[in-house]
Amino acid sequence: MSNMSYCRFQNTLQDFCDCRNAMEDLMNDSRAQPLSRDELAAAKLLAEQAQYFLQVIADYAGQSVEEMLDNDSAQNAIEQANKDAANNECEDDFE
């Protein structure tokens, strides 16, 4: 089931944190249960999408992902993109 647009990031954040914790356990706890074939495939795709997500933000900020991760650029870029979208929405109201 897809998330409603008004809470997609909140819901996904909770799920992503759960996946991150599971990955940390898998990589750091010798007693961790291995992932099933389907979960392993999904974990790989999730990592790919997370990388792409960061790349989209870095491109918007005009930085490399590495540069962006060294400072608060990701948070700033997300904030600015949101402000730009709000401004565009207001402009559309007048057209």
PDB file of N, CA and C in Angstrom:
ATOM      1  N   MET A   1       0.842  -1.170   0.000  1.00  0.00           N
ATOM      2  CA  MET A   1       0.000   0.000   0.000  1.00  0.00           C
ATOM      3  C   MET A   1       0.892   1.240   0.000  1.00  0.00           C
ATOM      4  N   SER A   2       0.560   2.203  -0.831  1.00  0.00           N
ATOM      5  CA  SER A   2       1.364   3.411  -0.882  1.00  0.00           C
ATOM      6  C   SER A   2       0.970   4.366   0.237  1.00  0.00           C
ATOM      7  N   ASN A   3       1.887   5.258   0.556  1.00  0.00           N
ATOM      8  CA  ASN A   3       1.642   6.243   1.594  1.00  0.00           C
ATOM      9  C   ASN A   3       0.882   7.430   1.028  1.00  0.00           C
ATOM     10  N   MET A   4       0.072   8.059   1.860  1.00  0.00           N
ATOM     11  CA  MET A   4      -0.592   9.288   1.474  1.00  0.00           C
ATOM     12  C   MET A   4       0.472  10.376   1.407  1.00  0.00           C
ATOM     13  N   SER A   5       0.311  11.303   0.481  1.00  0.00           N
ATOM     14  CA  SER A   5       1.350  12.314   0.265  1.00  0.00           C
ATOM     15  C   SER A   5       1.620  13.157   1.503  1.00  0.00           C
ATOM     16  N   TYR A   6       0.642  13.341   2.367  1.00  0.00           N
ATOM     17  CA  TYR A   6       0.847  14.193   3.539  1.00  0.00           C
ATOM     18  C   TYR A   6       1.653  13.511   4.634  1.00  0.00           C
ATOM     19  N   CYS A   7       1.906  12.200   4.512  1.00  0.00           N
ATOM     20  CA  CYS A   7       2.687  11.516   5.551  1.00  0.00           C
ATOM     21  C   CYS A   7       3.688  10.511   4.974  1.00  0.00           C
ATOM     22  N   ARG A   8       3.951  10.585   3.678  1.00  0.00           N
ATOM     23  CA  ARG A   8       4.842   9.589   3.057  1.00  0.00           C
ATOM     24  C   ARG A   8       6.229   9.585   3.664  1.00  0.00           C
ATOM     25  N   PHE A   9       6.804  10.763   3.922  1.00  0.00           N
ATOM     26  CA  PHE A   9       8.156  10.807   4.464  1.00  0.00           C
ATOM     27  C   PHE A   9       8.174  10.363   5.927  1.00  0.00           C
ATOM     28  N   GLN A  10       7.151  10.711   6.679  1.00  0.00           N
ATOM     29  CA  GLN A  10       7.092  10.283   8.081  1.00  0.00           C
ATOM     30  C   GLN A  10       7.005   8.763   8.173  1.00  0.00           C
ATOM     31  N   ASN A  11       6.115   8.164   7.399  1.00  0.00           N
ATOM     32  CA  ASN A  11       5.953   6.710   7.429  1.00  0.00           C
ATOM     33  C   ASN A  11       7.195   6.000   6.902  1.00  0.00           C
ATOM     34  N   THR A  12       7.738   6.517   5.813  1.00  0.00           N
ATOM     35  CA  THR A  12       8.913   5.890   5.212  1.00  0.00           C
ATOM     36  C   THR A  12      10.119   6.015   6.128  1.00  0.00           C
ATOM     37  N   LEU A  13      10.245   7.125   6.824  1.00  0.00           N
ATOM     38  CA  LEU A  13      11.356   7.303   7.761  1.00  0.00           C
ATOM     39  C   LEU A  13      11.349   6.216   8.827  1.00  0.00           C
ATOM     40  N   GLN A  14      10.189   5.927   9.382  1.00  0.00           N
ATOM     41  CA  GLN A  14      10.095   4.877  10.397  1.00  0.00           C
ATOM     42  C   GLN A  14      10.519   3.530   9.823  1.00  0.00           C
ATOM     43  N   ASP A  15      10.032   3.216   8.633  1.00  0.00           N
ATOM     44  CA  ASP A  15      10.383   1.946   7.996  1.00  0.00           C
ATOM     45  C   ASP A  15      11.862   1.903   7.616  1.00  0.00           C
ATOM     46  N   PHE A  16      12.375   3.032   7.128  1.00  0.00           N
ATOM     47  CA  PHE A  16      13.778   3.079   6.741  1.00  0.00           C
ATOM     48  C   PHE A  16      14.688   2.871   7.954  1.00  0.00           C
ATOM     49  N   CYS A  17      14.338   3.489   9.070  1.00  0.00           N
ATOM     50  CA  CYS A  17      15.133   3.307  10.302  1.00  0.00           C
ATOM     51  C   CYS A  17      15.120   1.846  10.734  1.00  0.00           C
ATOM     52  N   ASP A  18      13.981   1.194  10.596  1.00  0.00           N
ATOM     53  CA  ASP A  18      13.895  -0.225  10.924  1.00  0.00           C
ATOM     54  C   ASP A  18      14.817  -1.035  10.004  1.00  0.00           C
ATOM     55  N   CYS A  19      14.819  -0.705   8.711  1.00  0.00           N
ATOM     56  CA  CYS A  19      15.700  -1.398   7.768  1.00  0.00           C
ATOM     57  C   CYS A  19      17.166  -1.112   8.070  1.00  0.00           C
ATOM     58  N   ARG A  20      17.483   0.130   8.415  1.00  0.00           N
ATOM     59  CA  ARG A  20      18.860   0.478   8.767  1.00  0.00           C
ATOM     60  C   ARG A  20      19.324  -0.309   9.981  1.00  0.00           C
ATOM     61  N   ASN A  21      18.460  -0.411  10.984  1.00  0.00           N
ATOM     62  CA  ASN A  21      18.815  -1.176  12.182  1.00  0.00           C
ATOM     63  C   ASN A  21      19.029  -2.649  11.846  1.00  0.00           C
ATOM     64  N   ALA A  22      18.172  -3.195  10.983  1.00  0.00           N
ATOM     65  CA  ALA A  22      18.333  -4.593  10.577  1.00  0.00           C
ATOM     66  C   ALA A  22      19.645  -4.794   9.819  1.00  0.00           C
ATOM     67  N   MET A  23      20.014  -3.822   8.984  1.00  0.00           N
ATOM     68  CA  MET A  23      21.266  -3.933   8.229  1.00  0.00           C
ATOM     69  C   MET A  23      22.462  -3.820   9.172  1.00  0.00           C
ATOM     70  N   GLU A  24      22.372  -2.925  10.153  1.00  0.00           N
ATOM     71  CA  GLU A  24      23.450  -2.821  11.142  1.00  0.00           C
ATOM     72  C   GLU A  24      23.608  -4.130  11.899  1.00  0.00           C
ATOM     73  N   ASP A  25      22.487  -4.746  12.273  1.00  0.00           N
ATOM     74  CA  ASP A  25      22.551  -6.035  12.951  1.00  0.00           C
ATOM     75  C   ASP A  25      23.184  -7.087  12.051  1.00  0.00           C
ATOM     76  N   LEU A  26      22.774  -7.112  10.799  1.00  0.00           N
ATOM     77  CA  LEU A  26      23.308  -8.097   9.856  1.00  0.00           C
ATOM     78  C   LEU A  26      24.814  -7.948   9.701  1.00  0.00           C
ATOM     79  N   MET A  27      25.285  -6.722   9.702  1.00  0.00           N
ATOM     80  CA  MET A  27      26.705  -6.471   9.463  1.00  0.00           C
ATOM     81  C   MET A  27      27.557  -6.521  10.724  1.00  0.00           C
ATOM     82  N   ASN A  28      26.928  -6.357  11.894  1.00  0.00           N
ATOM     83  CA  ASN A  28      27.711  -6.259  13.131  1.00  0.00           C
ATOM     84  C   ASN A  28      27.426  -7.348  14.158  1.00  0.00           C
ATOM     85  N   ASP A  29      26.394  -8.114  13.960  1.00  0.00           N
ATOM     86  CA  ASP A  29      26.005  -9.119  14.957  1.00  0.00           C
ATOM     87  C   ASP A  29      26.116 -10.502  14.325  1.00  0.00           C
ATOM     88  N   SER A  30      27.041 -11.288  14.800  1.00  0.00           N
ATOM     89  CA  SER A  30      27.269 -12.616  14.221  1.00  0.00           C
ATOM     90  C   SER A  30      26.075 -13.546  14.425  1.00  0.00           C
ATOM     91  N   ARG A  31      25.163 -13.177  15.319  1.00  0.00           N
ATOM     92  CA  ARG A  31      23.976 -14.000  15.561  1.00  0.00           C
ATOM     93  C   ARG A  31      22.761 -13.544  14.748  1.00  0.00           C
ATOM     94  N   ALA A  32      22.918 -12.521  13.913  1.00  0.00           N
ATOM     95  CA  ALA A  32      21.800 -12.000  13.131  1.00  0.00           C
ATOM     96  C   ALA A  32      21.301 -13.046  12.137  1.00  0.00           C
ATOM     97  N   GLN A  33      20.015 -13.056  11.922  1.00  0.00           N
ATOM     98  CA  GLN A  33      19.415 -13.958  10.942  1.00  0.00           C
ATOM     99  C   GLN A  33      19.713 -13.445   9.536  1.00  0.00           C
ATOM    100  N   PRO A  34      20.101 -14.339   8.625  1.00  0.00           N
ATOM    101  CA  PRO A  34      20.329 -13.888   7.248  1.00  0.00           C
ATOM    102  C   PRO A  34      19.000 -13.489   6.596  1.00  0.00           C
ATOM    103  N   LEU A  35      19.092 -12.623   5.595  1.00  0.00           N
ATOM    104  CA  LEU A  35      17.906 -12.196   4.868  1.00  0.00           C
ATOM    105  C   LEU A  35      17.474 -13.283   3.890  1.00  0.00           C
ATOM    106  N   SER A  36      16.183 -13.364   3.655  1.00  0.00           N
ATOM    107  CA  SER A  36      15.685 -14.270   2.625  1.00  0.00           C
ATOM    108  C   SER A  36      16.130 -13.741   1.260  1.00  0.00           C
ATOM    109  N   ARG A  37      15.985 -14.538   0.240  1.00  0.00           N
ATOM    110  CA  ARG A  37      16.378 -14.125  -1.105  1.00  0.00           C
ATOM    111  C   ARG A  37      15.623 -12.854  -1.522  1.00  0.00           C
ATOM    112  N   ASP A  38      14.322 -12.820  -1.251  1.00  0.00           N
ATOM    113  CA  ASP A  38      13.522 -11.649  -1.618  1.00  0.00           C
ATOM    114  C   ASP A  38      13.914 -10.418  -0.812  1.00  0.00           C
ATOM    115  N   GLU A  39      14.160 -10.596   0.494  1.00  0.00           N
ATOM    116  CA  GLU A  39      14.563  -9.477   1.333  1.00  0.00           C
ATOM    117  C   GLU A  39      15.958  -8.989   0.943  1.00  0.00           C
ATOM    118  N   LEU A  40      16.851  -9.905   0.569  1.00  0.00           N
ATOM    119  CA  LEU A  40      18.188  -9.520   0.122  1.00  0.00           C
ATOM    120  C   LEU A  40      18.091  -8.676  -1.141  1.00  0.00           C
ATOM    121  N   ALA A  41      17.267  -9.103  -2.086  1.00  0.00           N
ATOM    122  CA  ALA A  41      17.076  -8.335  -3.322  1.00  0.00           C
ATOM    123  C   ALA A  41      16.492  -6.959  -3.011  1.00  0.00           C
ATOM    124  N   ALA A  42      15.516  -6.907  -2.109  1.00  0.00           N
ATOM    125  CA  ALA A  42      14.897  -5.633  -1.742  1.00  0.00           C
ATOM    126  C   ALA A  42      15.903  -4.731  -1.028  1.00  0.00           C
ATOM    127  N   ALA A  43      16.758  -5.298  -0.186  1.00  0.00           N
ATOM    128  CA  ALA A  43      17.777  -4.509   0.518  1.00  0.00           C
ATOM    129  C   ALA A  43      18.740  -3.877  -0.484  1.00  0.00           C
ATOM    130  N   LYS A  44      19.117  -4.626  -1.490  1.00  0.00           N
ATOM    131  CA  LYS A  44      20.006  -4.085  -2.522  1.00  0.00           C
ATOM    132  C   LYS A  44      19.336  -2.954  -3.287  1.00  0.00           C
ATOM    133  N   LEU A  45      18.067  -3.140  -3.636  1.00  0.00           N
ATOM    134  CA  LEU A  45      17.338  -2.089  -4.349  1.00  0.00           C
ATOM    135  C   LEU A  45      17.123  -0.868  -3.467  1.00  0.00           C
ATOM    136  N   LEU A  46      16.875  -1.091  -2.187  1.00  0.00           N
ATOM    137  CA  LEU A  46      16.710   0.025  -1.261  1.00  0.00           C
ATOM    138  C   LEU A  46      17.998   0.840  -1.173  1.00  0.00           C
ATOM    139  N   ALA A  47      19.139   0.168  -1.098  1.00  0.00           N
ATOM    140  CA  ALA A  47      20.429   0.861  -1.060  1.00  0.00           C
ATOM    141  C   ALA A  47      20.623   1.676  -2.335  1.00  0.00           C
ATOM    142  N   GLU A  48      20.262   1.097  -3.465  1.00  0.00           N
ATOM    143  CA  GLU A  48      20.372   1.807  -4.747  1.00  0.00           C
ATOM    144  C   GLU A  48      19.476   3.046  -4.760  1.00  0.00           C
ATOM    145  N   GLN A  49      18.248   2.900  -4.280  1.00  0.00           N
ATOM    146  CA  GLN A  49      17.322   4.032  -4.249  1.00  0.00           C
ATOM    147  C   GLN A  49      17.774   5.100  -3.253  1.00  0.00           C
ATOM    148  N   ALA A  50      18.343   4.688  -2.130  1.00  0.00           N
ATOM    149  CA  ALA A  50      18.857   5.647  -1.149  1.00  0.00           C
ATOM    150  C   ALA A  50      19.996   6.456  -1.759  1.00  0.00           C
ATOM    151  N   GLN A  51      20.846   5.778  -2.509  1.00  0.00           N
ATOM    152  CA  GLN A  51      21.940   6.467  -3.181  1.00  0.00           C
ATOM    153  C   GLN A  51      21.396   7.461  -4.209  1.00  0.00           C
ATOM    154  N   TYR A  52      20.403   7.045  -4.969  1.00  0.00           N
ATOM    155  CA  TYR A  52      19.798   7.926  -5.968  1.00  0.00           C
ATOM    156  C   TYR A  52      19.115   9.117  -5.294  1.00  0.00           C
ATOM    157  N   PHE A  53      18.433   8.872  -4.172  1.00  0.00           N
ATOM    158  CA  PHE A  53      17.774   9.925  -3.400  1.00  0.00           C
ATOM    159  C   PHE A  53      18.786  10.988  -2.998  1.00  0.00           C
ATOM    160  N   LEU A  54      19.937  10.541  -2.481  1.00  0.00           N
ATOM    161  CA  LEU A  54      20.991  11.476  -2.092  1.00  0.00           C
ATOM    162  C   LEU A  54      21.563  12.213  -3.302  1.00  0.00           C
ATOM    163  N   GLN A  55      21.670  11.526  -4.433  1.00  0.00           N
ATOM    164  CA  GLN A  55      22.204  12.155  -5.638  1.00  0.00           C
ATOM    165  C   GLN A  55      21.278  13.263  -6.130  1.00  0.00           C
ATOM    166  N   VAL A  56      19.970  13.035  -6.073  1.00  0.00           N
ATOM    167  CA  VAL A  56      19.002  14.056  -6.476  1.00  0.00           C
ATOM    168  C   VAL A  56      19.174  15.311  -5.617  1.00  0.00           C
ATOM    169  N   ILE A  57      19.330  15.117  -4.316  1.00  0.00           N
ATOM    170  CA  ILE A  57      19.505  16.251  -3.398  1.00  0.00           C
ATOM    171  C   ILE A  57      20.839  16.939  -3.657  1.00  0.00           C
ATOM    172  N   ALA A  58      21.892  16.167  -3.858  1.00  0.00           N
ATOM    173  CA  ALA A  58      23.215  16.737  -4.132  1.00  0.00           C
ATOM    174  C   ALA A  58      23.200  17.543  -5.426  1.00  0.00           C
ATOM    175  N   ASP A  59      22.551  17.015  -6.449  1.00  0.00           N
ATOM    176  CA  ASP A  59      22.459  17.744  -7.718  1.00  0.00           C
ATOM    177  C   ASP A  59      21.760  19.081  -7.511  1.00  0.00           C
ATOM    178  N   TYR A  60      20.686  19.081  -6.745  1.00  0.00           N
ATOM    179  CA  TYR A  60      19.955  20.317  -6.460  1.00  0.00           C
ATOM    180  C   TYR A  60      20.851  21.303  -5.714  1.00  0.00           C
ATOM    181  N   ALA A  61      21.666  20.786  -4.790  1.00  0.00           N
ATOM    182  CA  ALA A  61      22.560  21.638  -3.997  1.00  0.00           C
ATOM    183  C   ALA A  61      23.807  22.044  -4.776  1.00  0.00           C
ATOM    184  N   GLY A  62      24.007  21.450  -5.958  1.00  0.00           N
ATOM    185  CA  GLY A  62      25.192  21.762  -6.754  1.00  0.00           C
ATOM    186  C   GLY A  62      26.471  21.220  -6.155  1.00  0.00           C
ATOM    187  N   GLN A  63      26.366  20.085  -5.470  1.00  0.00           N
ATOM    188  CA  GLN A  63      27.520  19.475  -4.821  1.00  0.00           C
ATOM    189  C   GLN A  63      27.558  17.985  -5.131  1.00  0.00           C
ATOM    190  N   SER A  64      28.690  17.386  -4.834  1.00  0.00           N
ATOM    191  CA  SER A  64      28.765  15.933  -4.900  1.00  0.00           C
ATOM    192  C   SER A  64      28.103  15.371  -3.648  1.00  0.00           C
ATOM    193  N   VAL A  65      27.737  14.117  -3.692  1.00  0.00           N
ATOM    194  CA  VAL A  65      27.155  13.478  -2.511  1.00  0.00           C
ATOM    195  C   VAL A  65      28.140  13.549  -1.349  1.00  0.00           C
ATOM    196  N   GLU A  66      29.425  13.311  -1.631  1.00  0.00           N
ATOM    197  CA  GLU A  66      30.437  13.334  -0.577  1.00  0.00           C
ATOM    198  C   GLU A  66      30.531  14.710   0.072  1.00  0.00           C
ATOM    199  N   GLU A  67      30.542  15.764  -0.748  1.00  0.00           N
ATOM    200  CA  GLU A  67      30.594  17.126  -0.209  1.00  0.00           C
ATOM    201  C   GLU A  67      29.359  17.413   0.638  1.00  0.00           C
ATOM    202  N   MET A  68      28.223  17.004   0.133  1.00  0.00           N
ATOM    203  CA  MET A  68      26.964  17.266   0.814  1.00  0.00           C
ATOM    204  C   MET A  68      26.913  16.566   2.174  1.00  0.00           C
ATOM    205  N   LEU A  69      27.449  15.360   2.246  1.00  0.00           N
ATOM    206  CA  LEU A  69      27.417  14.609   3.491  1.00  0.00           C
ATOM    207  C   LEU A  69      28.387  15.154   4.536  1.00  0.00           C
ATOM    208  N   ASP A  70      29.357  15.949   4.097  1.00  0.00           N
ATOM    209  CA  ASP A  70      30.330  16.533   5.022  1.00  0.00           C
ATOM    210  C   ASP A  70      29.791  17.741   5.768  1.00  0.00           C
ATOM    211  N   ASN A  71      28.627  18.237   5.376  1.00  0.00           N
ATOM    212  CA  ASN A  71      28.056  19.409   6.047  1.00  0.00           C
ATOM    213  C   ASN A  71      26.532  19.287   6.071  1.00  0.00           C
ATOM    214  N   ASP A  72      25.849  20.367   6.311  1.00  0.00           N
ATOM    215  CA  ASP A  72      24.387  20.341   6.401  1.00  0.00           C
ATOM    216  C   ASP A  72      23.716  20.627   5.061  1.00  0.00           C
ATOM    217  N   SER A  73      24.420  20.447   3.972  1.00  0.00           N
ATOM    218  CA  SER A  73      23.871  20.791   2.667  1.00  0.00           C
ATOM    219  C   SER A  73      22.609  20.021   2.322  1.00  0.00           C
ATOM    220  N   ALA A  74      22.521  18.760   2.714  1.00  0.00           N
ATOM    221  CA  ALA A  74      21.327  17.969   2.386  1.00  0.00           C
ATOM    222  C   ALA A  74      20.101  18.583   3.034  1.00  0.00           C
ATOM    223  N   GLN A  75      20.186  18.889   4.309  1.00  0.00           N
ATOM    224  CA  GLN A  75      19.051  19.491   4.999  1.00  0.00           C
ATOM    225  C   GLN A  75      18.712  20.850   4.405  1.00  0.00           C
ATOM    226  N   ASN A  76      19.732  21.636   4.111  1.00  0.00           N
ATOM    227  CA  ASN A  76      19.507  22.955   3.522  1.00  0.00           C
ATOM    228  C   ASN A  76      18.883  22.848   2.137  1.00  0.00           C
ATOM    229  N   ALA A  77      19.362  21.908   1.321  1.00  0.00           N
ATOM    230  CA  ALA A  77      18.821  21.744  -0.031  1.00  0.00           C
ATOM    231  C   ALA A  77      17.366  21.288   0.016  1.00  0.00           C
ATOM    232  N   ILE A  78      17.049  20.377   0.914  1.00  0.00           N
ATOM    233  CA  ILE A  78      15.666  19.915   1.044  1.00  0.00           C
ATOM    234  C   ILE A  78      14.775  21.077   1.478  1.00  0.00           C
ATOM    235  N   GLU A  79      15.247  21.847   2.433  1.00  0.00           N
ATOM    236  CA  GLU A  79      14.485  23.016   2.905  1.00  0.00           C
ATOM    237  C   GLU A  79      14.258  24.006   1.766  1.00  0.00           C
ATOM    238  N   GLN A  80      15.307  24.289   0.980  1.00  0.00           N
ATOM    239  CA  GLN A  80      15.189  25.237  -0.119  1.00  0.00           C
ATOM    240  C   GLN A  80      14.264  24.719  -1.214  1.00  0.00           C
ATOM    241  N   ALA A  81      14.370  23.439  -1.551  1.00  0.00           N
ATOM    242  CA  ALA A  81      13.488  22.861  -2.566  1.00  0.00           C
ATOM    243  C   ALA A  81      12.031  22.956  -2.125  1.00  0.00           C
ATOM    244  N   ASN A  82      11.792  22.738  -0.841  1.00  0.00           N
ATOM    245  CA  ASN A  82      10.434  22.831  -0.316  1.00  0.00           C
ATOM    246  C   ASN A  82       9.922  24.271  -0.408  1.00  0.00           C
ATOM    247  N   LYS A  83      10.779  25.244  -0.073  1.00  0.00           N
ATOM    248  CA  LYS A  83      10.396  26.648  -0.190  1.00  0.00           C
ATOM    249  C   LYS A  83      10.114  27.008  -1.647  1.00  0.00           C
ATOM    250  N   ASP A  84      10.968  26.525  -2.558  1.00  0.00           N
ATOM    251  CA  ASP A  84      10.758  26.792  -3.982  1.00  0.00           C
ATOM    252  C   ASP A  84       9.426  26.221  -4.456  1.00  0.00           C
ATOM    253  N   ALA A  85       9.116  25.008  -4.011  1.00  0.00           N
ATOM    254  CA  ALA A  85       7.851  24.381  -4.404  1.00  0.00           C
ATOM    255  C   ALA A  85       6.668  25.174  -3.858  1.00  0.00           C
ATOM    256  N   ALA A  86       6.781  25.664  -2.620  1.00  0.00           N
ATOM    257  CA  ALA A  86       5.710  26.468  -2.031  1.00  0.00           C
ATOM    258  C   ALA A  86       5.538  27.771  -2.796  1.00  0.00           C
ATOM    259  N   ASN A  87       6.652  28.393  -3.186  1.00  0.00           N
ATOM    260  CA  ASN A  87       6.579  29.627  -3.966  1.00  0.00           C
ATOM    261  C   ASN A  87       5.967  29.376  -5.333  1.00  0.00           C
ATOM    262  N   ASN A  88       6.336  28.264  -5.969  1.00  0.00           N
ATOM    263  CA  ASN A  88       5.769  27.922  -7.280  1.00  0.00           C
ATOM    264  C   ASN A  88       4.284  27.673  -7.165  1.00  0.00           C
ATOM    265  N   GLU A  89       3.875  27.061  -6.067  1.00  0.00           N
ATOM    266  CA  GLU A  89       2.466  26.786  -5.844  1.00  0.00           C
ATOM    267  C   GLU A  89       1.698  28.100  -5.723  1.00  0.00           C
ATOM    268  N   CYS A  90       2.264  29.065  -5.006  1.00  0.00           N
ATOM    269  CA  CYS A  90       1.635  30.374  -4.858  1.00  0.00           C
ATOM    270  C   CYS A  90       1.552  31.086  -6.194  1.00  0.00           C
ATOM    271  N   GLU A  91       2.600  31.003  -7.004  1.00  0.00           N
ATOM    272  CA  GLU A  91       2.591  31.628  -8.321  1.00  0.00           C
ATOM    273  C   GLU A  91       1.542  31.006  -9.216  1.00  0.00           C
ATOM    274  N   ASP A  92       1.353  29.698  -9.122  1.00  0.00           N
ATOM    275  CA  ASP A  92       0.339  29.020  -9.930  1.00  0.00           C
ATOM    276  C   ASP A  92      -1.052  29.494  -9.567  1.00  0.00           C
ATOM    277  N   ASP A  93      -1.266  29.895  -8.331  1.00  0.00           N
ATOM    278  CA  ASP A  93      -2.570  30.384  -7.902  1.00  0.00           C
ATOM    279  C   ASP A  93      -2.944  31.680  -8.594  1.00  0.00           C
ATOM    280  N   PHE A  94      -1.930  32.451  -9.038  1.00  0.00           N
ATOM    281  CA  PHE A  94      -2.192  33.734  -9.651  1.00  0.00           C
ATOM    282  C   PHE A  94      -2.271  33.644 -11.168  1.00  0.00           C
ATOM    283  N   GLU A  95      -2.009  32.507 -11.722  1.00  0.00           N
ATOM    284  CA  GLU A  95      -2.049  32.348 -13.187  1.00  0.00           C
ATOM    285  C   GLU A  95      -3.414  31.915 -13.643  1.00  0.00           C
TER     286      GLU A  95
END
